[in-house]
Amino acid sequence: MLQMIKGVIFDLDGTLIDSMYIWYQIDRELAAENGIQDLPREVSERIKKMSINEAAQFCIDELGFRMTKEQIIDRIEELVRIEYEEKIELKPYVSGILDYLDEKGVPYGAATATYKGLAEAVMKRCGIYDRMQFLLTDVEYPKGKKFPDIFLGAAERMGTSPAETLVVEDSLHCLRTASAAGFSTVAVYDEAAEPEREEIEKTAGYYAGSLKDVKEYIAGNLI
């Protein structure tokens, strides 16, 4: 039985910001720079489930990039930086759901696999950085979201247990991790996750078409 929600952990890419298209573009651009044309979508799907460090090592071990891991990490950041600093926007209803949580006194923050500097840049430009109680990234939790540590760390910062903490995500592997660790979960629609939608709906405690739907779900499950 679902416990009342006392804290919320938001994913960033594909959940709070409309950015997932960038990562598919970057995969292909980086592959092309290394002599690989038309990178298969299934390879991109594998990469998106990895931490930055894991993805860089994968590019070396499986795709044969003639770069060091550090060079790959730096190049990816270089390619996406202008998008995060100048172009990417919030998804619809972000302000509405944060306003509601503030009104109800419910703590919340963000947990993301995105580079910390880029996450900070887009959140500050879009006016939500200072509203968050925390921003957790691979810097603090290098194992990424295939392990529950980042979610557990977020709950600890809010003083909530997993069962009373809601994780809002768009990616299947993240939802699986959070659910297995005892968190309540809501999946929010993002076009990039459409191929896995059936499994996402089975995994999440609730499937939302937008953050407006997430707000309504939270409203029905608060103390």
Protein backbone atom coordinates (compact mmCIF):
# COMPACT_ATOMS: atom_id res chain seq x y z
CA MET A 1 0.00 0.00 0.00
CA LEU A 2 1.30 3.46 -0.95
CA GLN A 3 2.41 5.56 1.99
CA MET A 4 1.79 9.28 2.05
CA ILE A 5 4.33 11.32 0.12
CA LYS A 6 6.68 13.35 2.31
CA GLY A 7 9.43 14.15 -0.21
CA VAL A 8 9.99 14.14 -3.98
CA ILE A 9 13.07 13.29 -6.05
CA PHE A 10 12.96 14.58 -9.61
CA ASP A 11 15.03 13.32 -12.50
CA LEU A 12 16.30 16.16 -14.70
CA ASP A 13 16.67 15.17 -18.37
CA GLY A 14 13.36 14.14 -19.90
CA THR A 15 11.50 14.91 -16.67
CA LEU A 16 12.09 18.55 -15.70
CA ILE A 17 13.88 19.66 -18.88
CA ASP A 18 13.23 18.82 -22.53
CA SER A 19 16.70 17.55 -23.39
CA MET A 20 16.72 13.87 -24.31
CA TYR A 21 16.91 14.58 -28.03
CA ILE A 22 20.31 16.16 -27.44
CA TRP A 23 21.84 12.93 -26.15
CA TYR A 24 20.78 10.94 -29.19
CA GLN A 25 22.29 13.62 -31.42
CA ILE A 26 25.51 13.65 -29.42
CA ASP A 27 25.90 9.85 -29.60
CA ARG A 28 25.78 10.01 -33.37
CA GLU A 29 27.98 13.07 -33.68
CA LEU A 30 30.68 11.60 -31.45
CA ALA A 31 30.49 8.26 -33.27
CA ALA A 32 30.83 10.01 -36.63
CA GLU A 33 33.92 11.83 -35.39
CA ASN A 34 35.36 8.39 -34.65
CA GLY A 35 34.53 6.90 -38.04
CA ILE A 36 31.20 5.25 -37.19
CA GLN A 37 28.30 6.35 -39.38
CA ASP A 38 24.64 5.62 -38.57
CA LEU A 39 25.07 4.45 -34.99
CA PRO A 40 22.28 1.92 -34.34
CA ARG A 41 19.52 3.12 -32.02
CA GLU A 42 19.94 0.06 -29.82
CA VAL A 43 23.50 1.18 -29.07
CA SER A 44 22.20 4.60 -28.02
CA GLU A 45 19.62 2.86 -25.82
CA ARG A 46 22.42 0.94 -24.08
CA ILE A 47 24.53 4.05 -23.63
CA LYS A 48 21.73 6.16 -22.13
CA LYS A 49 21.48 3.70 -19.22
CA MET A 50 25.14 4.22 -18.30
CA SER A 51 26.91 6.79 -16.18
CA ILE A 52 29.20 9.17 -18.04
CA ASN A 53 32.23 7.15 -16.99
CA GLU A 54 30.64 3.87 -18.09
CA ALA A 55 29.59 5.34 -21.42
CA ALA A 56 33.11 6.60 -22.12
CA GLN A 57 34.61 3.21 -21.33
CA PHE A 58 31.98 1.52 -23.52
CA CYS A 59 32.97 3.74 -26.44
CA ILE A 60 36.56 2.56 -26.05
CA ASP A 61 35.92 -1.12 -25.38
CA GLU A 62 32.93 -1.80 -27.65
CA LEU A 63 33.05 0.91 -30.32
CA GLY A 64 36.81 1.17 -30.66
CA PHE A 65 37.21 4.90 -30.09
CA ARG A 66 40.88 5.89 -30.21
CA MET A 67 40.52 8.34 -27.35
CA THR A 68 41.15 8.18 -23.64
CA LYS A 69 38.17 8.00 -21.31
CA GLU A 70 38.93 11.53 -20.12
CA GLN A 71 39.03 12.82 -23.71
CA ILE A 72 35.63 11.28 -24.45
CA ILE A 73 34.09 12.73 -21.29
CA ASP A 74 35.46 16.18 -22.07
CA ARG A 75 34.33 16.03 -25.72
CA ILE A 76 30.77 15.04 -24.81
CA GLU A 77 30.58 17.93 -22.35
CA GLU A 78 31.92 20.30 -25.01
CA LEU A 79 29.33 19.15 -27.54
CA VAL A 80 26.33 19.56 -25.25
CA ARG A 81 27.40 22.61 -23.26
CA ILE A 82 25.89 25.26 -25.54
CA GLU A 83 22.54 23.43 -25.49
CA TYR A 84 22.39 23.41 -21.70
CA GLU A 85 23.71 26.93 -21.26
CA GLU A 86 21.57 28.61 -23.92
CA LYS A 87 18.81 26.49 -25.48
CA ILE A 88 17.18 23.70 -23.47
CA GLU A 89 13.90 24.67 -21.83
CA LEU A 90 11.77 23.35 -19.00
CA LYS A 91 9.06 20.83 -19.77
CA PRO A 92 5.46 22.05 -19.32
CA TYR A 93 4.03 22.46 -15.78
CA VAL A 94 7.39 22.46 -13.95
CA SER A 95 6.64 25.75 -12.21
CA GLY A 96 3.16 24.57 -11.30
CA ILE A 97 4.30 21.38 -9.58
CA LEU A 98 7.13 23.13 -7.71
CA ASP A 99 4.77 25.91 -6.60
CA TYR A 100 2.39 23.27 -5.28
CA LEU A 101 5.11 21.42 -3.35
CA ASP A 102 6.32 24.72 -1.87
CA GLU A 103 2.76 25.59 -0.84
CA LYS A 104 2.39 22.23 0.92
CA GLY A 105 5.84 22.36 2.51
CA VAL A 106 7.03 19.17 0.76
CA PRO A 107 10.82 19.04 0.26
CA TYR A 108 12.17 18.15 -3.17
CA GLY A 109 15.37 18.04 -5.19
CA ALA A 110 16.95 16.63 -8.34
CA ALA A 111 19.04 13.54 -8.99
CA THR A 112 20.63 13.24 -12.42
CA ALA A 113 23.32 11.45 -14.41
CA THR A 114 24.07 14.67 -16.30
CA TYR A 115 27.34 16.55 -15.83
CA LYS A 116 27.01 18.61 -12.67
CA GLY A 117 28.13 21.86 -14.32
CA LEU A 118 25.64 21.48 -17.15
CA ALA A 119 22.81 20.55 -14.78
CA GLU A 120 23.53 23.62 -12.68
CA ALA A 121 23.72 25.84 -15.78
CA VAL A 122 20.35 24.85 -17.24
CA MET A 123 18.61 24.86 -13.86
CA LYS A 124 19.92 28.33 -13.01
CA ARG A 125 18.98 29.73 -16.42
CA CYS A 126 15.50 28.26 -16.14
CA GLY A 127 15.04 29.56 -12.59
CA ILE A 128 14.68 26.30 -10.66
CA TYR A 129 18.16 25.73 -9.20
CA ASP A 130 17.62 27.76 -6.04
CA ARG A 131 14.27 26.08 -5.47
CA MET A 132 15.85 22.65 -5.05
CA GLN A 133 16.91 21.34 -1.66
CA PHE A 134 19.67 19.38 -3.41
CA LEU A 135 21.17 18.50 -6.78
CA LEU A 136 22.86 15.10 -6.84
CA THR A 137 24.92 13.89 -9.80
CA ASP A 138 27.61 11.39 -10.78
CA VAL A 139 30.05 13.59 -8.90
CA GLU A 140 28.56 12.46 -5.61
CA TYR A 141 27.36 9.05 -6.84
CA PRO A 142 29.62 7.80 -9.66
CA LYS A 143 27.83 4.45 -9.97
CA GLY A 144 24.85 6.22 -11.49
CA LYS A 145 21.21 5.21 -11.33
CA LYS A 146 21.72 1.50 -11.90
CA PHE A 147 22.37 1.49 -8.16
CA PRO A 148 20.02 2.99 -5.54
CA ASP A 149 22.67 5.02 -3.69
CA ILE A 150 21.76 8.32 -5.35
CA PHE A 151 18.06 7.91 -4.45
CA LEU A 152 18.87 6.83 -0.91
CA GLY A 153 21.19 9.82 -0.53
CA ALA A 154 18.44 12.15 -1.71
CA ALA A 155 15.93 10.70 0.75
CA GLU A 156 18.45 11.06 3.55
CA ARG A 157 18.83 14.75 2.73
CA MET A 158 15.08 15.21 3.07
CA GLY A 159 14.78 13.06 6.19
CA THR A 160 12.32 10.70 4.52
CA SER A 161 12.19 6.93 4.14
CA PRO A 162 12.11 5.36 0.65
CA ALA A 163 8.48 4.28 1.05
CA GLU A 164 7.34 7.86 1.71
CA THR A 165 9.58 9.37 -0.97
CA LEU A 166 8.33 9.75 -4.54
CA VAL A 167 10.79 9.33 -7.41
CA VAL A 168 9.68 11.00 -10.66
CA GLU A 169 11.51 9.58 -13.69
CA ASP A 170 11.13 9.01 -17.41
CA SER A 171 13.65 6.15 -17.88
CA LEU A 172 12.90 2.48 -17.36
CA HIS A 173 16.19 1.48 -15.74
CA CYS A 174 15.95 4.33 -13.22
CA LEU A 175 12.39 3.41 -12.32
CA ARG A 176 13.44 -0.20 -11.82
CA THR A 177 16.28 0.82 -9.52
CA ALA A 178 14.09 3.11 -7.43
CA SER A 179 11.23 0.62 -7.22
CA ALA A 180 13.54 -2.21 -6.16
CA ALA A 181 14.90 0.02 -3.37
CA GLY A 182 11.41 0.57 -1.96
CA PHE A 183 10.63 4.02 -3.35
CA SER A 184 7.26 5.09 -4.64
CA THR A 185 7.60 5.88 -8.35
CA VAL A 186 5.87 7.89 -11.02
CA ALA A 187 6.85 7.67 -14.67
CA VAL A 188 6.34 10.83 -16.67
CA TYR A 189 5.99 10.65 -20.44
CA ASP A 190 8.91 11.63 -22.65
CA GLU A 191 9.06 10.91 -26.37
CA ALA A 192 12.56 9.45 -26.13
CA ALA A 193 11.30 6.69 -23.81
CA GLU A 194 8.39 5.67 -26.05
CA PRO A 195 10.03 2.37 -27.19
CA GLU A 196 10.01 1.20 -23.56
CA ARG A 197 6.62 2.62 -22.64
CA GLU A 198 4.91 -0.72 -22.03
CA GLU A 199 7.59 -1.83 -19.55
CA ILE A 200 7.68 1.62 -17.97
CA GLU A 201 3.95 1.48 -17.29
CA LYS A 202 4.33 -1.96 -15.71
CA THR A 203 7.24 -0.84 -13.52
CA ALA A 204 6.05 2.54 -12.23
CA GLY A 205 3.50 2.92 -9.50
CA TYR A 206 1.74 5.47 -11.69
CA TYR A 207 2.18 6.58 -15.29
CA ALA A 208 1.70 10.30 -15.99
CA GLY A 209 1.26 11.95 -19.34
CA SER A 210 2.75 15.19 -18.03
CA LEU A 211 3.94 16.91 -14.88
CA LYS A 212 0.42 18.27 -14.49
CA ASP A 213 -0.72 14.68 -13.96
CA VAL A 214 2.14 14.14 -11.51
CA LYS A 215 0.94 17.14 -9.50
CA GLU A 216 -2.56 15.68 -9.32
CA TYR A 217 -1.16 12.32 -8.22
CA ILE A 218 0.87 13.97 -5.46
CA ALA A 219 -2.17 15.97 -4.35
CA GLY A 220 -4.02 12.73 -3.74
CA ASN A 221 -1.18 11.17 -1.73
CA LEU A 222 0.03 13.85 0.66
CA ILE A 223 -0.12 13.75 4.43
